[in-house]
């Protein structure tokens, strides 16, 4: 199973909200895909991150923001995972910032 599929599956198992995958290959050199989601609480965000880290089968280059859990960033190189609280997701609005990216997955969006 591809890394991106494992990430989506892990997040869905922990009831992640509003899953979005952006293909940013043509827009930046930092990654090929952004996985963006939010939880309903900081505890849920940490659970989503833990499940992704467990299921990914590889060690990330870095994990940022885990303790505060308002915006957890997991850098797997080709895939960068962003797990937000609802408030922080609205504040940073990565989907608008990367509006030119191809949207591969959108689930549970209002």
Protein backbone atom coordinates (compact mmCIF):
# COMPACT_ATOMS: atom_id res chain seq x y z
CA UNK A 1 0.00 0.00 0.00
CA UNK A 2 1.29 3.45 -0.86
CA UNK A 3 2.22 5.85 1.95
CA UNK A 4 -0.55 8.29 1.06
CA UNK A 5 -3.16 5.51 1.17
CA UNK A 6 -1.88 4.39 4.57
CA UNK A 7 -2.10 7.95 5.88
CA UNK A 8 -5.69 8.36 4.67
CA UNK A 9 -6.69 5.00 6.14
CA UNK A 10 -5.06 5.76 9.50
CA UNK A 11 -6.74 9.17 9.74
CA UNK A 12 -10.14 7.73 8.83
CA UNK A 13 -9.76 5.07 11.53
CA UNK A 14 -9.38 7.86 14.09
CA UNK A 15 -12.42 9.74 12.70
CA UNK A 16 -10.44 12.62 11.18
CA UNK A 17 -12.64 15.38 9.78
CA UNK A 18 -12.54 17.06 6.36
CA UNK A 19 -9.73 15.06 4.79
CA UNK A 20 -8.10 16.78 1.84
CA UNK A 21 -5.14 15.68 -0.27
CA UNK A 22 -3.46 18.22 -2.52
CA UNK A 23 -0.99 17.30 -5.24
CA UNK A 24 1.63 20.06 -5.09
CA UNK A 25 4.32 18.44 -7.26
CA UNK A 26 4.19 21.18 -9.89
CA UNK A 27 3.97 24.01 -7.35
CA UNK A 28 6.80 23.37 -4.89
CA UNK A 29 9.90 21.27 -4.36
CA UNK A 30 9.24 20.59 -0.67
CA UNK A 31 6.76 17.74 -1.23
CA UNK A 32 4.56 16.00 -3.77
CA UNK A 33 1.43 15.85 -1.61
CA UNK A 34 -0.12 17.69 1.32
CA UNK A 35 -2.50 15.68 3.48
CA UNK A 36 -4.74 18.06 5.44
CA UNK A 37 -7.29 17.18 8.09
CA UNK A 38 -8.64 18.32 11.42
CA UNK A 39 -9.82 16.74 14.61
CA UNK A 40 -12.47 17.89 17.04
CA UNK A 41 -10.00 18.17 19.93
CA UNK A 42 -6.28 18.30 20.61
CA UNK A 43 -6.48 14.79 22.03
CA UNK A 44 -8.05 13.53 18.81
CA UNK A 45 -5.36 15.31 16.78
CA UNK A 46 -2.67 13.47 18.75
CA UNK A 47 -4.52 10.16 18.25
CA UNK A 48 -4.68 10.81 14.49
CA UNK A 49 -0.95 11.62 14.43
CA UNK A 50 -0.11 8.51 16.49
CA UNK A 51 -2.10 6.26 14.16
CA UNK A 52 -0.48 7.78 11.06
CA UNK A 53 2.99 7.33 12.57
CA UNK A 54 2.18 3.73 13.48
CA UNK A 55 0.69 2.79 10.10
CA UNK A 56 3.15 4.66 7.87
CA UNK A 57 5.83 2.02 8.22
CA UNK A 58 8.60 4.57 7.99
CA UNK A 59 10.15 7.16 10.26
CA UNK A 60 9.29 10.75 9.35
CA UNK A 61 11.96 13.38 8.83
CA UNK A 62 10.30 15.47 11.53
CA UNK A 63 7.20 15.89 13.66
CA UNK A 64 6.29 19.40 14.80
CA UNK A 65 3.57 20.73 17.08
CA UNK A 66 2.62 17.41 18.69
CA UNK A 67 2.55 18.70 22.28
CA UNK A 68 0.29 21.70 21.59
CA UNK A 69 -1.69 19.67 19.02
CA UNK A 70 -3.25 22.73 17.38
CA UNK A 71 -1.27 22.12 14.17
CA UNK A 72 0.68 18.88 13.99
CA UNK A 73 3.00 18.63 11.01
CA UNK A 74 4.52 15.28 10.04
CA UNK A 75 7.12 15.44 7.27
CA UNK A 76 7.55 12.18 5.36
CA UNK A 77 9.44 13.89 2.52
CA UNK A 78 7.12 13.32 -0.43
CA UNK A 79 4.05 13.67 1.79
CA UNK A 80 3.57 16.35 4.42
CA UNK A 81 0.76 15.72 6.89
CA UNK A 82 -1.08 18.66 8.48
CA UNK A 83 -3.45 17.91 11.37
CA UNK A 84 -5.26 20.98 12.68
CA UNK A 85 -7.82 21.99 15.24
CA UNK A 86 -10.85 23.43 13.44
CA UNK A 87 -9.86 26.96 14.52
CA UNK A 88 -6.25 26.72 13.32
CA UNK A 89 -7.30 25.12 10.05
CA UNK A 90 -9.60 28.07 9.35
CA UNK A 91 -6.85 30.52 10.34
CA UNK A 92 -4.14 29.08 8.09
CA UNK A 93 -6.50 27.88 5.32
CA UNK A 94 -3.88 25.87 3.41
CA UNK A 95 -6.40 24.82 0.77
CA UNK A 96 -6.80 28.48 -0.27
CA UNK A 97 -3.09 29.16 -0.01
CA UNK A 98 -2.46 26.23 -2.37
CA UNK A 99 -5.59 26.78 -4.48
CA UNK A 100 -3.72 25.93 -7.70
CA UNK A 101 -2.95 22.43 -6.44
CA UNK A 102 -4.82 19.45 -7.82
CA UNK A 103 -7.35 18.18 -5.27
CA UNK A 104 -7.08 14.38 -5.15
CA UNK A 105 -9.28 13.64 -2.13
CA UNK A 106 -11.94 15.65 -0.33
CA UNK A 107 -13.99 13.87 2.30
CA UNK A 108 -16.50 15.09 4.87
CA UNK A 109 -16.35 18.66 3.55
CA UNK A 110 -19.36 20.84 4.27
